[in-house]
């Protein structure tokens, strides 16, 4: 069933687990992930980046998820990830996204508040939930280039930001990074505790791929209610490509379902690891 963040994150926050959020790029992603979540009774957030919504991407991703979500009994959130403009937010809401993230983390605090508040007002009027980011989670962009120096979230700014914007979820920067890590991260759990103490808004951790499991568990225990996963899914697809190469060598006209199977199996394997780690199994 299609839901908003308000229908999954408060439950996760109250019960001490996190909801896994996966960036998807084609129909093979939602089928592999949603079938698994239905079997394991886990809520899930399917996200899309602007890069994958270009051209007909918006129509296909929104169309597929909105069509299949009602056939599943577990909660499914269709979420826009890292939007940097109100125009993209509006287009995604019109296409049927149930939740959006506006990322003003690169802006000065006042500008971030003002632009986020504008997005919230528009989205809430449409019944859509909003995630924002305070602090800056750095790492690599989709082309593998560095996005610069990260900036940790200041707990002193959190209460003002959440109260003035009325966001439904807040992504915080506590030491993770986007993309594949060059070295092992060390999360600032004390900072997370300080943030958690000044707001009741569910907290989000970006850069969940590659972060040591013990640190992710500590983050969930101390208030993270949503964890974003993308790089680990890309790695799984790359591993599947090697198996597809073997299949093609054995038979030049191999059946499409067999060619897609290694990709789906890899996505499912990684998704199950994340569902187990977040503690979201058997919640619905």
C-alpha atoms as a PDB file:
ATOM      1  CA  UNK A   1       0.000   0.000   0.000  1.00  0.00           C
ATOM      2  CA  UNK A   2       1.256   3.443  -0.890  1.00  0.00           C
ATOM      3  CA  UNK A   3       2.010   5.568   2.201  1.00  0.00           C
ATOM      4  CA  UNK A   4       3.790   8.709   3.344  1.00  0.00           C
ATOM      5  CA  UNK A   5       6.699   9.043   5.751  1.00  0.00           C
ATOM      6  CA  UNK A   6       4.211   9.894   8.494  1.00  0.00           C
ATOM      7  CA  UNK A   7       2.793   6.385   8.254  1.00  0.00           C
ATOM      8  CA  UNK A   8       6.118   4.576   8.738  1.00  0.00           C
ATOM      9  CA  UNK A   9       8.765   6.711  10.462  1.00  0.00           C
ATOM     10  CA  UNK A  10       6.939   7.563  13.722  1.00  0.00           C
ATOM     11  CA  UNK A  11       6.274   3.840  14.222  1.00  0.00           C
ATOM     12  CA  UNK A  12       9.954   3.089  13.626  1.00  0.00           C
ATOM     13  CA  UNK A  13      10.993   5.837  16.036  1.00  0.00           C
ATOM     14  CA  UNK A  14       8.674   4.594  18.788  1.00  0.00           C
ATOM     15  CA  UNK A  15       9.769   0.982  18.389  1.00  0.00           C
ATOM     16  CA  UNK A  16      13.510   1.443  18.005  1.00  0.00           C
ATOM     17  CA  UNK A  17      14.121   0.358  14.421  1.00  0.00           C
ATOM     18  CA  UNK A  18      14.756   2.083  11.100  1.00  0.00           C
ATOM     19  CA  UNK A  19      13.062   1.854   7.706  1.00  0.00           C
ATOM     20  CA  UNK A  20      15.366   0.991   4.815  1.00  0.00           C
ATOM     21  CA  UNK A  21      15.195   3.408   1.875  1.00  0.00           C
ATOM     22  CA  UNK A  22      16.481   2.243  -1.514  1.00  0.00           C
ATOM     23  CA  UNK A  23      17.158   4.380  -4.587  1.00  0.00           C
ATOM     24  CA  UNK A  24      15.632   2.645  -7.611  1.00  0.00           C
ATOM     25  CA  UNK A  25      16.396   3.152 -11.300  1.00  0.00           C
ATOM     26  CA  UNK A  26      14.189   0.669 -13.204  1.00  0.00           C
ATOM     27  CA  UNK A  27      11.362  -1.817 -12.723  1.00  0.00           C
ATOM     28  CA  UNK A  28      13.730  -4.626 -11.690  1.00  0.00           C
ATOM     29  CA  UNK A  29      14.394  -2.748  -8.437  1.00  0.00           C
ATOM     30  CA  UNK A  30      10.842  -2.392  -7.074  1.00  0.00           C
ATOM     31  CA  UNK A  31       9.911  -5.958  -8.003  1.00  0.00           C
ATOM     32  CA  UNK A  32      12.933  -7.505  -6.250  1.00  0.00           C
ATOM     33  CA  UNK A  33      12.652  -5.251  -3.200  1.00  0.00           C
ATOM     34  CA  UNK A  34       8.863  -5.260  -2.776  1.00  0.00           C
ATOM     35  CA  UNK A  35       8.508  -9.026  -3.158  1.00  0.00           C
ATOM     36  CA  UNK A  36      11.119  -9.442  -0.427  1.00  0.00           C
ATOM     37  CA  UNK A  37       9.481  -6.878   1.859  1.00  0.00           C
ATOM     38  CA  UNK A  38       6.082  -8.531   1.446  1.00  0.00           C
ATOM     39  CA  UNK A  39       7.534 -11.926   2.334  1.00  0.00           C
ATOM     40  CA  UNK A  40       9.371 -10.541   5.359  1.00  0.00           C
ATOM     41  CA  UNK A  41       6.621  -8.112   6.455  1.00  0.00           C
ATOM     42  CA  UNK A  42       8.868  -5.056   6.306  1.00  0.00           C
ATOM     43  CA  UNK A  43       7.939  -1.447   5.476  1.00  0.00           C
ATOM     44  CA  UNK A  44      10.072   0.120   2.766  1.00  0.00           C
ATOM     45  CA  UNK A  45      10.843   3.448   1.109  1.00  0.00           C
ATOM     46  CA  UNK A  46      11.548   3.438  -2.633  1.00  0.00           C
ATOM     47  CA  UNK A  47      13.405   6.575  -3.705  1.00  0.00           C
ATOM     48  CA  UNK A  48      14.356   8.175  -7.007  1.00  0.00           C
ATOM     49  CA  UNK A  49      17.038  10.715  -7.831  1.00  0.00           C
ATOM     50  CA  UNK A  50      16.647  13.498 -10.392  1.00  0.00           C
ATOM     51  CA  UNK A  51      19.224  11.741 -12.599  1.00  0.00           C
ATOM     52  CA  UNK A  52      16.901   8.753 -13.021  1.00  0.00           C
ATOM     53  CA  UNK A  53      13.784  10.869 -13.542  1.00  0.00           C
ATOM     54  CA  UNK A  54      15.081  12.550 -16.680  1.00  0.00           C
ATOM     55  CA  UNK A  55      13.213  12.028 -19.939  1.00  0.00           C
ATOM     56  CA  UNK A  56      10.481   9.458 -19.349  1.00  0.00           C
ATOM     57  CA  UNK A  57      12.089   8.291 -16.121  1.00  0.00           C
ATOM     58  CA  UNK A  58       9.615  10.191 -13.974  1.00  0.00           C
ATOM     59  CA  UNK A  59       6.628   8.645 -15.773  1.00  0.00           C
ATOM     60  CA  UNK A  60       8.037   5.120 -15.647  1.00  0.00           C
ATOM     61  CA  UNK A  61       9.263   5.070 -12.055  1.00  0.00           C
ATOM     62  CA  UNK A  62       6.188   6.784 -10.626  1.00  0.00           C
ATOM     63  CA  UNK A  63       3.896   4.771 -12.888  1.00  0.00           C
ATOM     64  CA  UNK A  64       5.368   1.406 -11.947  1.00  0.00           C
ATOM     65  CA  UNK A  65       5.478   2.001  -8.186  1.00  0.00           C
ATOM     66  CA  UNK A  66       2.015   3.565  -8.016  1.00  0.00           C
ATOM     67  CA  UNK A  67       0.587   0.680 -10.041  1.00  0.00           C
ATOM     68  CA  UNK A  68       2.095  -2.126  -7.962  1.00  0.00           C
ATOM     69  CA  UNK A  69       2.113  -0.625  -4.439  1.00  0.00           C
ATOM     70  CA  UNK A  70      -1.617  -1.334  -3.834  1.00  0.00           C
ATOM     71  CA  UNK A  71      -1.003  -5.033  -4.556  1.00  0.00           C
ATOM     72  CA  UNK A  72       1.313  -5.271  -1.516  1.00  0.00           C
ATOM     73  CA  UNK A  73       0.049  -5.190   2.068  1.00  0.00           C
ATOM     74  CA  UNK A  74       3.213  -3.703   3.612  1.00  0.00           C
ATOM     75  CA  UNK A  75       3.692   0.095   3.638  1.00  0.00           C
ATOM     76  CA  UNK A  76       5.480   1.462   0.552  1.00  0.00           C
ATOM     77  CA  UNK A  77       6.631   5.087   0.361  1.00  0.00           C
ATOM     78  CA  UNK A  78       7.477   6.587  -3.042  1.00  0.00           C
ATOM     79  CA  UNK A  79      10.043   9.258  -2.187  1.00  0.00           C
ATOM     80  CA  UNK A  80      11.919  11.876  -4.201  1.00  0.00           C
ATOM     81  CA  UNK A  81      15.570  11.893  -3.103  1.00  0.00           C
ATOM     82  CA  UNK A  82      17.753  15.036  -3.031  1.00  0.00           C
ATOM     83  CA  UNK A  83      15.614  17.510  -4.966  1.00  0.00           C
ATOM     84  CA  UNK A  84      17.227  20.917  -5.308  1.00  0.00           C
ATOM     85  CA  UNK A  85      14.282  22.861  -6.727  1.00  0.00           C
ATOM     86  CA  UNK A  86      10.608  23.428  -6.034  1.00  0.00           C
ATOM     87  CA  UNK A  87       9.913  22.777  -9.721  1.00  0.00           C
ATOM     88  CA  UNK A  88      11.145  19.166  -9.484  1.00  0.00           C
ATOM     89  CA  UNK A  89       9.170  18.705  -6.274  1.00  0.00           C
ATOM     90  CA  UNK A  90       6.005  19.897  -7.997  1.00  0.00           C
ATOM     91  CA  UNK A  91       6.509  17.610 -10.988  1.00  0.00           C
ATOM     92  CA  UNK A  92       7.072  14.584  -8.773  1.00  0.00           C
ATOM     93  CA  UNK A  93       4.037  15.337  -6.626  1.00  0.00           C
ATOM     94  CA  UNK A  94       1.947  15.702  -9.784  1.00  0.00           C
ATOM     95  CA  UNK A  95       3.245  12.294 -10.917  1.00  0.00           C
ATOM     96  CA  UNK A  96       2.128  10.678  -7.662  1.00  0.00           C
ATOM     97  CA  UNK A  97       5.116  10.673  -5.307  1.00  0.00           C
ATOM     98  CA  UNK A  98       3.883  10.380  -1.728  1.00  0.00           C
ATOM     99  CA  UNK A  99       6.975  11.990  -0.204  1.00  0.00           C
ATOM    100  CA  UNK A 100       9.817  14.309  -1.244  1.00  0.00           C
ATOM    101  CA  UNK A 101      13.198  15.406   0.022  1.00  0.00           C
ATOM    102  CA  UNK A 102      14.317  18.974  -0.531  1.00  0.00           C
ATOM    103  CA  UNK A 103      18.075  19.260  -0.092  1.00  0.00           C
ATOM    104  CA  UNK A 104      19.110  22.778   0.871  1.00  0.00           C
ATOM    105  CA  UNK A 105      22.114  21.545   2.853  1.00  0.00           C
ATOM    106  CA  UNK A 106      24.538  23.512   0.703  1.00  0.00           C
ATOM    107  CA  UNK A 107      22.782  26.786   1.521  1.00  0.00           C
ATOM    108  CA  UNK A 108      23.272  29.129   4.475  1.00  0.00           C
ATOM    109  CA  UNK A 109      20.978  28.218   7.359  1.00  0.00           C
ATOM    110  CA  UNK A 110      18.435  31.022   6.761  1.00  0.00           C
ATOM    111  CA  UNK A 111      18.153  30.215   3.056  1.00  0.00           C
ATOM    112  CA  UNK A 112      17.798  26.516   3.816  1.00  0.00           C
ATOM    113  CA  UNK A 113      14.977  27.289   6.248  1.00  0.00           C
ATOM    114  CA  UNK A 114      13.174  29.617   3.830  1.00  0.00           C
ATOM    115  CA  UNK A 115      13.376  27.312   0.798  1.00  0.00           C
ATOM    116  CA  UNK A 116      12.535  24.201   2.800  1.00  0.00           C
ATOM    117  CA  UNK A 117       9.519  25.940   4.341  1.00  0.00           C
ATOM    118  CA  UNK A 118       8.283  26.853   0.840  1.00  0.00           C
ATOM    119  CA  UNK A 119       8.532  23.210  -0.240  1.00  0.00           C
ATOM    120  CA  UNK A 120       6.794  22.036   2.932  1.00  0.00           C
ATOM    121  CA  UNK A 121       3.875  24.385   2.452  1.00  0.00           C
ATOM    122  CA  UNK A 122       3.332  23.202  -1.107  1.00  0.00           C
ATOM    123  CA  UNK A 123       3.802  19.496  -0.348  1.00  0.00           C
ATOM    124  CA  UNK A 124       1.660  19.437   2.788  1.00  0.00           C
ATOM    125  CA  UNK A 125      -1.180  21.090   0.887  1.00  0.00           C
ATOM    126  CA  UNK A 126      -1.011  18.085  -1.452  1.00  0.00           C
ATOM    127  CA  UNK A 127      -0.886  15.511   1.360  1.00  0.00           C
ATOM    128  CA  UNK A 128       2.802  14.771   0.722  1.00  0.00           C
ATOM    129  CA  UNK A 129       5.488  14.493   3.404  1.00  0.00           C
ATOM    130  CA  UNK A 130       8.861  16.257   3.308  1.00  0.00           C
ATOM    131  CA  UNK A 131      12.399  15.358   4.354  1.00  0.00           C
ATOM    132  CA  UNK A 132      15.106  18.009   4.569  1.00  0.00           C
ATOM    133  CA  UNK A 133      18.825  18.016   5.362  1.00  0.00           C
ATOM    134  CA  UNK A 134      20.732  20.052   7.927  1.00  0.00           C
ATOM    135  CA  UNK A 135      24.499  19.837   7.826  1.00  0.00           C
ATOM    136  CA  UNK A 136      26.078  18.453   4.648  1.00  0.00           C
ATOM    137  CA  UNK A 137      26.743  14.793   3.830  1.00  0.00           C
ATOM    138  CA  UNK A 138      29.623  14.833   1.350  1.00  0.00           C
ATOM    139  CA  UNK A 139      31.171  11.937  -0.596  1.00  0.00           C
ATOM    140  CA  UNK A 140      30.965  11.208  -4.333  1.00  0.00           C
ATOM    141  CA  UNK A 141      28.338  12.253  -6.850  1.00  0.00           C
ATOM    142  CA  UNK A 142      26.830   9.885  -9.438  1.00  0.00           C
ATOM    143  CA  UNK A 143      29.819  10.408 -11.742  1.00  0.00           C
ATOM    144  CA  UNK A 144      32.229   9.409  -8.963  1.00  0.00           C
ATOM    145  CA  UNK A 145      33.520  12.935  -8.367  1.00  0.00           C
ATOM    146  CA  UNK A 146      33.996  14.355  -4.869  1.00  0.00           C
ATOM    147  CA  UNK A 147      31.253  16.683  -3.642  1.00  0.00           C
ATOM    148  CA  UNK A 148      33.650  18.480  -1.317  1.00  0.00           C
ATOM    149  CA  UNK A 149      34.039  18.725   2.423  1.00  0.00           C
ATOM    150  CA  UNK A 150      31.212  17.485   4.639  1.00  0.00           C
ATOM    151  CA  UNK A 151      29.737  19.591   7.431  1.00  0.00           C
ATOM    152  CA  UNK A 152      28.377  17.966  10.571  1.00  0.00           C
ATOM    153  CA  UNK A 153      24.931  18.927  11.823  1.00  0.00           C
ATOM    154  CA  UNK A 154      24.955  21.442  14.657  1.00  0.00           C
ATOM    155  CA  UNK A 155      22.523  20.302  17.383  1.00  0.00           C
ATOM    156  CA  UNK A 156      21.938  23.953  18.343  1.00  0.00           C
ATOM    157  CA  UNK A 157      20.383  24.617  14.914  1.00  0.00           C
ATOM    158  CA  UNK A 158      18.099  21.586  14.820  1.00  0.00           C
ATOM    159  CA  UNK A 159      15.209  22.795  16.985  1.00  0.00           C
ATOM    160  CA  UNK A 160      14.901  26.095  15.117  1.00  0.00           C
ATOM    161  CA  UNK A 161      15.115  24.388  11.733  1.00  0.00           C
ATOM    162  CA  UNK A 162      12.483  21.742  12.439  1.00  0.00           C
ATOM    163  CA  UNK A 163      10.099  24.157  14.152  1.00  0.00           C
ATOM    164  CA  UNK A 164      10.264  26.791  11.421  1.00  0.00           C
ATOM    165  CA  UNK A 165      10.103  24.389   8.468  1.00  0.00           C
ATOM    166  CA  UNK A 166       7.678  21.782   9.911  1.00  0.00           C
ATOM    167  CA  UNK A 167       9.472  18.996   8.055  1.00  0.00           C
ATOM    168  CA  UNK A 168       8.397  15.394   8.589  1.00  0.00           C
ATOM    169  CA  UNK A 169      11.947  13.965   8.634  1.00  0.00           C
ATOM    170  CA  UNK A 170      15.428  15.426   9.005  1.00  0.00           C
ATOM    171  CA  UNK A 171      18.590  14.045   7.402  1.00  0.00           C
ATOM    172  CA  UNK A 172      21.582  14.703   9.643  1.00  0.00           C
ATOM    173  CA  UNK A 173      25.319  14.643   9.031  1.00  0.00           C
ATOM    174  CA  UNK A 174      27.203  12.646  11.662  1.00  0.00           C
ATOM    175  CA  UNK A 175      30.118  11.212   9.670  1.00  0.00           C
ATOM    176  CA  UNK A 176      28.700   9.183   6.788  1.00  0.00           C
ATOM    177  CA  UNK A 177      29.313   9.945   3.102  1.00  0.00           C
ATOM    178  CA  UNK A 178      27.584   9.254  -0.200  1.00  0.00           C
ATOM    179  CA  UNK A 179      29.042   6.617  -2.506  1.00  0.00           C
ATOM    180  CA  UNK A 180      31.751   4.033  -1.817  1.00  0.00           C
ATOM    181  CA  UNK A 181      33.998   4.830   1.150  1.00  0.00           C
ATOM    182  CA  UNK A 182      37.716   5.364   0.602  1.00  0.00           C
ATOM    183  CA  UNK A 183      38.288   4.669   4.310  1.00  0.00           C
ATOM    184  CA  UNK A 184      36.224   3.409   7.221  1.00  0.00           C
ATOM    185  CA  UNK A 185      33.921   6.117   8.629  1.00  0.00           C
ATOM    186  CA  UNK A 186      33.514   6.866  12.316  1.00  0.00           C
ATOM    187  CA  UNK A 187      30.046   8.103  13.219  1.00  0.00           C
ATOM    188  CA  UNK A 188      29.633  10.805  15.841  1.00  0.00           C
ATOM    189  CA  UNK A 189      27.048   9.065  18.025  1.00  0.00           C
ATOM    190  CA  UNK A 190      27.352  11.658  20.787  1.00  0.00           C
ATOM    191  CA  UNK A 191      26.344  14.336  18.283  1.00  0.00           C
ATOM    192  CA  UNK A 192      23.400  12.167  17.208  1.00  0.00           C
ATOM    193  CA  UNK A 193      22.269  11.858  20.836  1.00  0.00           C
ATOM    194  CA  UNK A 194      22.425  15.634  21.205  1.00  0.00           C
ATOM    195  CA  UNK A 195      20.334  16.090  18.048  1.00  0.00           C
ATOM    196  CA  UNK A 196      17.850  13.475  19.192  1.00  0.00           C
ATOM    197  CA  UNK A 197      17.391  15.279  22.497  1.00  0.00           C
ATOM    198  CA  UNK A 198      16.149  18.522  20.905  1.00  0.00           C
ATOM    199  CA  UNK A 199      13.614  17.262  18.345  1.00  0.00           C
ATOM    200  CA  UNK A 200      10.830  14.722  17.968  1.00  0.00           C
ATOM    201  CA  UNK A 201      11.163  14.758  14.159  1.00  0.00           C
ATOM    202  CA  UNK A 202      12.315  11.337  12.837  1.00  0.00           C
ATOM    203  CA  UNK A 203      15.994  11.424  11.861  1.00  0.00           C
ATOM    204  CA  UNK A 204      17.512  10.138   8.617  1.00  0.00           C
ATOM    205  CA  UNK A 205      20.993   8.790   7.872  1.00  0.00           C
ATOM    206  CA  UNK A 206      22.266   9.224   4.311  1.00  0.00           C
ATOM    207  CA  UNK A 207      25.282   7.250   3.116  1.00  0.00           C
ATOM    208  CA  UNK A 208      24.210   3.965   4.707  1.00  0.00           C
ATOM    209  CA  UNK A 209      26.095   1.862   2.140  1.00  0.00           C
ATOM    210  CA  UNK A 210      29.423   0.557   3.391  1.00  0.00           C
ATOM    211  CA  UNK A 211      29.012   1.951   6.896  1.00  0.00           C
ATOM    212  CA  UNK A 212      30.110  -0.685   9.459  1.00  0.00           C
ATOM    213  CA  UNK A 213      27.133  -2.602  10.805  1.00  0.00           C
ATOM    214  CA  UNK A 214      27.967  -1.940  14.446  1.00  0.00           C
ATOM    215  CA  UNK A 215      27.959   1.806  13.781  1.00  0.00           C
ATOM    216  CA  UNK A 216      24.659   1.632  11.902  1.00  0.00           C
ATOM    217  CA  UNK A 217      23.151  -0.331  14.780  1.00  0.00           C
ATOM    218  CA  UNK A 218      24.378   2.301  17.227  1.00  0.00           C
ATOM    219  CA  UNK A 219      22.870   5.051  15.074  1.00  0.00           C
ATOM    220  CA  UNK A 220      19.498   3.286  14.988  1.00  0.00           C
ATOM    221  CA  UNK A 221      19.635   2.716  18.749  1.00  0.00           C
ATOM    222  CA  UNK A 222      20.235   6.435  19.237  1.00  0.00           C
ATOM    223  CA  UNK A 223      17.456   7.806  17.059  1.00  0.00           C
ATOM    224  CA  UNK A 224      17.921   7.143  13.323  1.00  0.00           C
ATOM    225  CA  UNK A 225      14.586   6.072  11.814  1.00  0.00           C
ATOM    226  CA  UNK A 226      15.430   5.973   8.080  1.00  0.00           C
ATOM    227  CA  UNK A 227      18.619   4.756   6.389  1.00  0.00           C
ATOM    228  CA  UNK A 228      19.363   5.481   2.727  1.00  0.00           C
ATOM    229  CA  UNK A 229      20.973   2.780   0.574  1.00  0.00           C
ATOM    230  CA  UNK A 230      22.217   3.160  -2.995  1.00  0.00           C
ATOM    231  CA  UNK A 231      25.924   2.361  -3.515  1.00  0.00           C
ATOM    232  CA  UNK A 232      25.571  -1.173  -2.116  1.00  0.00           C
ATOM    233  CA  UNK A 233      22.781  -1.833  -4.618  1.00  0.00           C
ATOM    234  CA  UNK A 234      24.979  -0.591  -7.466  1.00  0.00           C
ATOM    235  CA  UNK A 235      27.746  -2.923  -6.334  1.00  0.00           C
ATOM    236  CA  UNK A 236      25.273  -5.802  -6.344  1.00  0.00           C
ATOM    237  CA  UNK A 237      24.266  -4.963  -9.916  1.00  0.00           C
ATOM    238  CA  UNK A 238      27.923  -4.881 -10.969  1.00  0.00           C
ATOM    239  CA  UNK A 239      28.485  -8.306  -9.458  1.00  0.00           C
ATOM    240  CA  UNK A 240      25.433  -9.603 -11.315  1.00  0.00           C
ATOM    241  CA  UNK A 241      26.914  -8.356 -14.583  1.00  0.00           C
ATOM    242  CA  UNK A 242      29.741 -10.893 -14.279  1.00  0.00           C
ATOM    243  CA  UNK A 243      27.212 -13.724 -14.063  1.00  0.00           C
ATOM    244  CA  UNK A 244      25.307 -12.335 -17.054  1.00  0.00           C
ATOM    245  CA  UNK A 245      28.545 -12.283 -19.033  1.00  0.00           C
ATOM    246  CA  UNK A 246      28.977 -15.994 -18.322  1.00  0.00           C
ATOM    247  CA  UNK A 247      25.409 -16.743 -19.411  1.00  0.00           C
ATOM    248  CA  UNK A 248      25.882 -14.900 -22.691  1.00  0.00           C
ATOM    249  CA  UNK A 249      29.064 -16.814 -23.425  1.00  0.00           C
ATOM    250  CA  UNK A 250      27.178 -20.081 -22.959  1.00  0.00           C
ATOM    251  CA  UNK A 251      24.213 -19.026 -25.108  1.00  0.00           C
ATOM    252  CA  UNK A 252      24.151 -15.978 -27.373  1.00  0.00           C
ATOM    253  CA  UNK A 253      20.330 -15.747 -27.318  1.00  0.00           C
ATOM    254  CA  UNK A 254      19.787 -16.485 -23.622  1.00  0.00           C
ATOM    255  CA  UNK A 255      16.257 -15.862 -22.347  1.00  0.00           C
ATOM    256  CA  UNK A 256      15.727 -12.379 -20.879  1.00  0.00           C
ATOM    257  CA  UNK A 257      14.382 -13.639 -17.552  1.00  0.00           C
ATOM    258  CA  UNK A 258      17.576 -15.635 -17.032  1.00  0.00           C
ATOM    259  CA  UNK A 259      19.727 -12.646 -17.917  1.00  0.00           C
ATOM    260  CA  UNK A 260      17.892 -10.464 -15.401  1.00  0.00           C
ATOM    261  CA  UNK A 261      17.907 -13.093 -12.630  1.00  0.00           C
ATOM    262  CA  UNK A 262      21.481 -12.400 -11.374  1.00  0.00           C
ATOM    263  CA  UNK A 263      20.686  -8.688 -11.050  1.00  0.00           C
ATOM    264  CA  UNK A 264      17.463  -9.358  -9.144  1.00  0.00           C
ATOM    265  CA  UNK A 265      19.186 -11.895  -6.887  1.00  0.00           C
ATOM    266  CA  UNK A 266      21.915  -9.382  -6.016  1.00  0.00           C
ATOM    267  CA  UNK A 267      19.406  -6.644  -5.229  1.00  0.00           C
ATOM    268  CA  UNK A 268      17.395  -9.026  -3.086  1.00  0.00           C
ATOM    269  CA  UNK A 269      20.482 -10.221  -1.212  1.00  0.00           C
ATOM    270  CA  UNK A 270      21.584  -6.690  -0.307  1.00  0.00           C
ATOM    271  CA  UNK A 271      18.043  -5.596   0.539  1.00  0.00           C
ATOM    272  CA  UNK A 272      17.635  -8.517   2.951  1.00  0.00           C
ATOM    273  CA  UNK A 273      20.902  -7.607   4.692  1.00  0.00           C
ATOM    274  CA  UNK A 274      19.648  -4.050   5.172  1.00  0.00           C
ATOM    275  CA  UNK A 275      16.210  -5.126   6.393  1.00  0.00           C
ATOM    276  CA  UNK A 276      17.830  -7.388   8.965  1.00  0.00           C
ATOM    277  CA  UNK A 277      20.255  -4.674  10.049  1.00  0.00           C
ATOM    278  CA  UNK A 278      17.565  -1.996  10.409  1.00  0.00           C
ATOM    279  CA  UNK A 279      15.376  -4.293  12.497  1.00  0.00           C
ATOM    280  CA  UNK A 280      12.408  -3.722  10.168  1.00  0.00           C
ATOM    281  CA  UNK A 281      11.515  -7.391   9.568  1.00  0.00           C
ATOM    282  CA  UNK A 282       8.101  -8.573  10.764  1.00  0.00           C
ATOM    283  CA  UNK A 283       6.890  -5.099  11.708  1.00  0.00           C
ATOM    284  CA  UNK A 284       3.629  -5.219   9.696  1.00  0.00           C
END
